[in-house]
Amino acid sequence: MFTKEYLMKMSKDQLVELVISLKKDSLTGVYRREILSEINKLTYMVVLVDINGLKKTNDMRGHNMGDKLILSVVNDLKRAVSDEDIIVRYGGDEFVIVFENETIFSIKEKMKDIPNISYGVGYGVSMSSAITMADKNMYTNKRRFYKSLVR
């Protein structure tokens, strides 16, 4: 991809920017999942977000519309969180947000008005335990969402 000569000609700032860009998802511009292993904290407060209806959108309206839905949700997430919080593309339609200084209540307030998502909050002394809790809570909320559509 990059030759040694090419990299040697880059400034320190350009190299830092290159490294950061390699850690970001090409569609959304948020961090890729691998960044989670680099975050070290005493406790973790996260939210796991799942986009509702992405598969249906892709199947019925095409992947370009699916990408637009993903970008719309990511833009809403970016507006809802602070600059210190880290948004990560966890899977195709799942995102993890690692919060710096938030409570469960404040996170729920930030997430409640974002359309097209189900989410779950999790916390723990490891990233893994926080995400596991958030995943469980997200699926509880997703079941509620789909039950409300059937009524």
C-alpha atoms as a PDB file:
ATOM      1  CA  MET A   1       0.000   0.000   0.000  1.00  0.00           C
ATOM      2  CA  PHE A   2       2.598   2.596   1.088  1.00  0.00           C
ATOM      3  CA  THR A   3       6.258   2.286   0.224  1.00  0.00           C
ATOM      4  CA  LYS A   4       8.952   2.963   2.805  1.00  0.00           C
ATOM      5  CA  GLU A   5      10.146   5.909   0.710  1.00  0.00           C
ATOM      6  CA  TYR A   6       6.657   7.403   0.605  1.00  0.00           C
ATOM      7  CA  LEU A   7       6.247   7.113   4.377  1.00  0.00           C
ATOM      8  CA  MET A   8       9.721   8.580   5.018  1.00  0.00           C
ATOM      9  CA  LYS A   9       8.727  11.730   3.103  1.00  0.00           C
ATOM     10  CA  MET A  10       5.655  12.311   5.283  1.00  0.00           C
ATOM     11  CA  SER A  11       5.704  14.791   8.161  1.00  0.00           C
ATOM     12  CA  LYS A  12       4.983  13.621  11.691  1.00  0.00           C
ATOM     13  CA  ASP A  13       1.509  15.206  11.512  1.00  0.00           C
ATOM     14  CA  GLN A  14       0.805  13.425   8.223  1.00  0.00           C
ATOM     15  CA  LEU A  15       1.885  10.097   9.722  1.00  0.00           C
ATOM     16  CA  VAL A  16      -0.345  10.612  12.768  1.00  0.00           C
ATOM     17  CA  GLU A  17      -3.269  11.482  10.496  1.00  0.00           C
ATOM     18  CA  LEU A  18      -2.597   8.367   8.401  1.00  0.00           C
ATOM     19  CA  VAL A  19      -2.563   6.100  11.465  1.00  0.00           C
ATOM     20  CA  ILE A  20      -5.828   7.613  12.745  1.00  0.00           C
ATOM     21  CA  SER A  21      -7.475   7.271   9.326  1.00  0.00           C
ATOM     22  CA  LEU A  22      -6.572   3.568   9.218  1.00  0.00           C
ATOM     23  CA  LYS A  23      -8.468   3.094  12.481  1.00  0.00           C
ATOM     24  CA  LYS A  24     -11.669   4.589  11.051  1.00  0.00           C
ATOM     25  CA  ASP A  25     -14.518   3.045   9.107  1.00  0.00           C
ATOM     26  CA  SER A  26     -14.471   4.209   5.483  1.00  0.00           C
ATOM     27  CA  LEU A  27     -18.251   4.745   5.191  1.00  0.00           C
ATOM     28  CA  THR A  28     -19.042   6.464   8.471  1.00  0.00           C
ATOM     29  CA  GLY A  29     -15.762   8.038   9.563  1.00  0.00           C
ATOM     30  CA  VAL A  30     -16.168   6.655  13.090  1.00  0.00           C
ATOM     31  CA  TYR A  31     -13.663   4.287  14.652  1.00  0.00           C
ATOM     32  CA  ARG A  32     -13.540   0.630  13.714  1.00  0.00           C
ATOM     33  CA  ARG A  33     -14.132  -2.106  16.280  1.00  0.00           C
ATOM     34  CA  GLU A  34     -10.419  -2.772  16.820  1.00  0.00           C
ATOM     35  CA  ILE A  35     -10.026   0.539  18.674  1.00  0.00           C
ATOM     36  CA  LEU A  36     -11.957  -0.865  21.645  1.00  0.00           C
ATOM     37  CA  SER A  37      -8.928  -2.892  22.752  1.00  0.00           C
ATOM     38  CA  GLU A  38      -6.908   0.330  22.983  1.00  0.00           C
ATOM     39  CA  ILE A  39      -9.264   2.074  25.427  1.00  0.00           C
ATOM     40  CA  ASN A  40      -8.128   1.666  29.022  1.00  0.00           C
ATOM     41  CA  LYS A  41     -10.306   2.897  31.856  1.00  0.00           C
ATOM     42  CA  LEU A  42     -11.106   1.862  35.419  1.00  0.00           C
ATOM     43  CA  THR A  43     -14.785   1.496  34.550  1.00  0.00           C
ATOM     44  CA  TYR A  44     -16.617   1.566  31.266  1.00  0.00           C
ATOM     45  CA  MET A  45     -19.967   3.160  30.463  1.00  0.00           C
ATOM     46  CA  VAL A  46     -21.157   2.228  26.979  1.00  0.00           C
ATOM     47  CA  VAL A  47     -24.215   2.108  24.806  1.00  0.00           C
ATOM     48  CA  LEU A  48     -24.747  -0.455  22.064  1.00  0.00           C
ATOM     49  CA  VAL A  49     -26.858   0.914  19.224  1.00  0.00           C
ATOM     50  CA  ASP A  50     -28.558  -1.216  16.582  1.00  0.00           C
ATOM     51  CA  ILE A  51     -30.185   0.316  13.507  1.00  0.00           C
ATOM     52  CA  ASN A  52     -33.781  -0.832  13.133  1.00  0.00           C
ATOM     53  CA  GLY A  53     -34.819  -1.960   9.669  1.00  0.00           C
ATOM     54  CA  LEU A  54     -31.459  -1.790   7.897  1.00  0.00           C
ATOM     55  CA  LYS A  55     -31.801  -5.246   6.319  1.00  0.00           C
ATOM     56  CA  LYS A  56     -35.293  -4.416   5.094  1.00  0.00           C
ATOM     57  CA  THR A  57     -34.061  -1.103   3.669  1.00  0.00           C
ATOM     58  CA  ASN A  58     -31.180  -2.860   1.874  1.00  0.00           C
ATOM     59  CA  ASP A  59     -33.492  -5.573   0.519  1.00  0.00           C
ATOM     60  CA  MET A  60     -36.304  -3.296  -0.615  1.00  0.00           C
ATOM     61  CA  ARG A  61     -34.544  -0.059  -1.565  1.00  0.00           C
ATOM     62  CA  GLY A  62     -30.933  -1.076  -2.219  1.00  0.00           C
ATOM     63  CA  HIS A  63     -27.640  -0.759  -0.415  1.00  0.00           C
ATOM     64  CA  ASN A  64     -27.211   2.912  -1.341  1.00  0.00           C
ATOM     65  CA  MET A  65     -30.345   3.689   0.688  1.00  0.00           C
ATOM     66  CA  GLY A  66     -29.059   1.408   3.452  1.00  0.00           C
ATOM     67  CA  ASP A  67     -25.813   3.373   3.518  1.00  0.00           C
ATOM     68  CA  LYS A  68     -27.795   6.614   3.710  1.00  0.00           C
ATOM     69  CA  LEU A  69     -29.704   5.226   6.702  1.00  0.00           C
ATOM     70  CA  ILE A  70     -26.431   4.266   8.403  1.00  0.00           C
ATOM     71  CA  LEU A  71     -24.972   7.727   7.764  1.00  0.00           C
ATOM     72  CA  SER A  72     -28.128   9.413   9.028  1.00  0.00           C
ATOM     73  CA  VAL A  73     -27.973   7.463  12.289  1.00  0.00           C
ATOM     74  CA  VAL A  74     -24.233   8.128  12.697  1.00  0.00           C
ATOM     75  CA  ASN A  75     -24.802  11.853  12.183  1.00  0.00           C
ATOM     76  CA  ASP A  76     -27.534  11.778  14.840  1.00  0.00           C
ATOM     77  CA  LEU A  77     -25.188   9.918  17.216  1.00  0.00           C
ATOM     78  CA  LYS A  78     -22.404  12.445  16.613  1.00  0.00           C
ATOM     79  CA  ARG A  79     -24.771  15.307  17.450  1.00  0.00           C
ATOM     80  CA  ALA A  80     -25.978  13.534  20.605  1.00  0.00           C
ATOM     81  CA  VAL A  81     -22.606  12.813  22.205  1.00  0.00           C
ATOM     82  CA  SER A  82     -19.739  14.989  23.388  1.00  0.00           C
ATOM     83  CA  ASP A  83     -16.339  15.286  21.717  1.00  0.00           C
ATOM     84  CA  GLU A  84     -14.767  13.157  24.470  1.00  0.00           C
ATOM     85  CA  ASP A  85     -17.064  10.205  23.750  1.00  0.00           C
ATOM     86  CA  ILE A  86     -15.927   7.599  21.222  1.00  0.00           C
ATOM     87  CA  ILE A  87     -18.256   6.210  18.548  1.00  0.00           C
ATOM     88  CA  VAL A  88     -17.244   2.819  17.143  1.00  0.00           C
ATOM     89  CA  ARG A  89     -18.724   0.843  14.273  1.00  0.00           C
ATOM     90  CA  TYR A  90     -19.085  -2.519  15.985  1.00  0.00           C
ATOM     91  CA  GLY A  91     -20.781  -4.420  13.149  1.00  0.00           C
ATOM     92  CA  GLY A  92     -22.725  -3.719   9.979  1.00  0.00           C
ATOM     93  CA  ASP A  93     -25.578  -1.940  11.740  1.00  0.00           C
ATOM     94  CA  GLU A  94     -24.287  -1.839  15.305  1.00  0.00           C
ATOM     95  CA  PHE A  95     -22.352   0.911  17.019  1.00  0.00           C
ATOM     96  CA  VAL A  96     -20.772   1.158  20.447  1.00  0.00           C
ATOM     97  CA  ILE A  97     -20.353   4.510  22.126  1.00  0.00           C
ATOM     98  CA  VAL A  98     -17.847   4.703  24.967  1.00  0.00           C
ATOM     99  CA  PHE A  99     -18.811   7.558  27.246  1.00  0.00           C
ATOM    100  CA  GLU A 100     -16.362   9.619  29.217  1.00  0.00           C
ATOM    101  CA  ASN A 101     -18.517  11.410  31.808  1.00  0.00           C
ATOM    102  CA  GLU A 102     -22.135  10.303  31.616  1.00  0.00           C
ATOM    103  CA  THR A 103     -24.695   8.569  33.792  1.00  0.00           C
ATOM    104  CA  ILE A 104     -27.199   5.943  32.700  1.00  0.00           C
ATOM    105  CA  PHE A 105     -29.929   8.576  32.910  1.00  0.00           C
ATOM    106  CA  SER A 106     -28.038  11.133  30.788  1.00  0.00           C
ATOM    107  CA  ILE A 107     -27.211   8.485  28.167  1.00  0.00           C
ATOM    108  CA  LYS A 108     -30.868   7.460  27.932  1.00  0.00           C
ATOM    109  CA  GLU A 109     -31.820  11.115  27.515  1.00  0.00           C
ATOM    110  CA  LYS A 110     -29.319  11.471  24.648  1.00  0.00           C
ATOM    111  CA  MET A 111     -30.486   8.307  22.888  1.00  0.00           C
ATOM    112  CA  LYS A 112     -34.267   8.538  23.332  1.00  0.00           C
ATOM    113  CA  ASP A 113     -34.948  10.929  20.458  1.00  0.00           C
ATOM    114  CA  ILE A 114     -32.697   9.314  17.852  1.00  0.00           C
ATOM    115  CA  PRO A 115     -34.924   7.677  15.234  1.00  0.00           C
ATOM    116  CA  ASN A 116     -34.447   4.198  13.751  1.00  0.00           C
ATOM    117  CA  ILE A 117     -32.436   2.714  16.617  1.00  0.00           C
ATOM    118  CA  SER A 118     -32.686   0.317  19.493  1.00  0.00           C
ATOM    119  CA  TYR A 119     -30.053   0.717  22.175  1.00  0.00           C
ATOM    120  CA  GLY A 120     -28.875  -0.699  25.464  1.00  0.00           C
ATOM    121  CA  VAL A 121     -26.693   0.800  28.161  1.00  0.00           C
ATOM    122  CA  GLY A 122     -23.978  -1.219  29.864  1.00  0.00           C
ATOM    123  CA  TYR A 123     -21.255  -0.624  32.402  1.00  0.00           C
ATOM    124  CA  GLY A 124     -18.499  -2.655  33.988  1.00  0.00           C
ATOM    125  CA  VAL A 125     -14.871  -2.919  34.967  1.00  0.00           C
ATOM    126  CA  SER A 126     -13.977  -4.314  31.540  1.00  0.00           C
ATOM    127  CA  MET A 127     -15.013  -3.296  28.039  1.00  0.00           C
ATOM    128  CA  SER A 128     -16.233  -6.834  27.430  1.00  0.00           C
ATOM    129  CA  SER A 129     -18.551  -6.906  30.450  1.00  0.00           C
ATOM    130  CA  ALA A 130     -19.946  -3.463  29.650  1.00  0.00           C
ATOM    131  CA  ILE A 131     -20.694  -4.443  26.037  1.00  0.00           C
ATOM    132  CA  THR A 132     -22.235  -7.763  27.110  1.00  0.00           C
ATOM    133  CA  MET A 133     -24.610  -5.915  29.443  1.00  0.00           C
ATOM    134  CA  ALA A 134     -25.405  -3.307  26.784  1.00  0.00           C
ATOM    135  CA  ASP A 135     -26.080  -6.060  24.240  1.00  0.00           C
ATOM    136  CA  LYS A 136     -28.540  -7.792  26.558  1.00  0.00           C
ATOM    137  CA  ASN A 137     -30.325  -4.495  27.286  1.00  0.00           C
ATOM    138  CA  MET A 138     -30.370  -3.562  23.598  1.00  0.00           C
ATOM    139  CA  TYR A 139     -32.080  -6.821  22.616  1.00  0.00           C
ATOM    140  CA  THR A 140     -34.686  -6.294  25.346  1.00  0.00           C
ATOM    141  CA  ASN A 141     -35.421  -2.855  23.848  1.00  0.00           C
ATOM    142  CA  LYS A 142     -35.398  -4.240  20.290  1.00  0.00           C
ATOM    143  CA  ARG A 143     -38.035  -6.851  21.220  1.00  0.00           C
ATOM    144  CA  ARG A 144     -40.194  -4.036  22.648  1.00  0.00           C
ATOM    145  CA  PHE A 145     -39.737  -2.064  19.437  1.00  0.00           C
ATOM    146  CA  TYR A 146     -40.871  -4.943  17.208  1.00  0.00           C
ATOM    147  CA  LYS A 147     -43.785  -5.820  19.525  1.00  0.00           C
ATOM    148  CA  SER A 148     -44.990  -2.224  19.247  1.00  0.00           C
ATOM    149  CA  LEU A 149     -45.069  -2.566  15.427  1.00  0.00           C
ATOM    150  CA  VAL A 150     -47.317  -5.627  15.596  1.00  0.00           C
ATOM    151  CA  ARG A 151     -50.039  -3.945  17.646  1.00  0.00           C
END
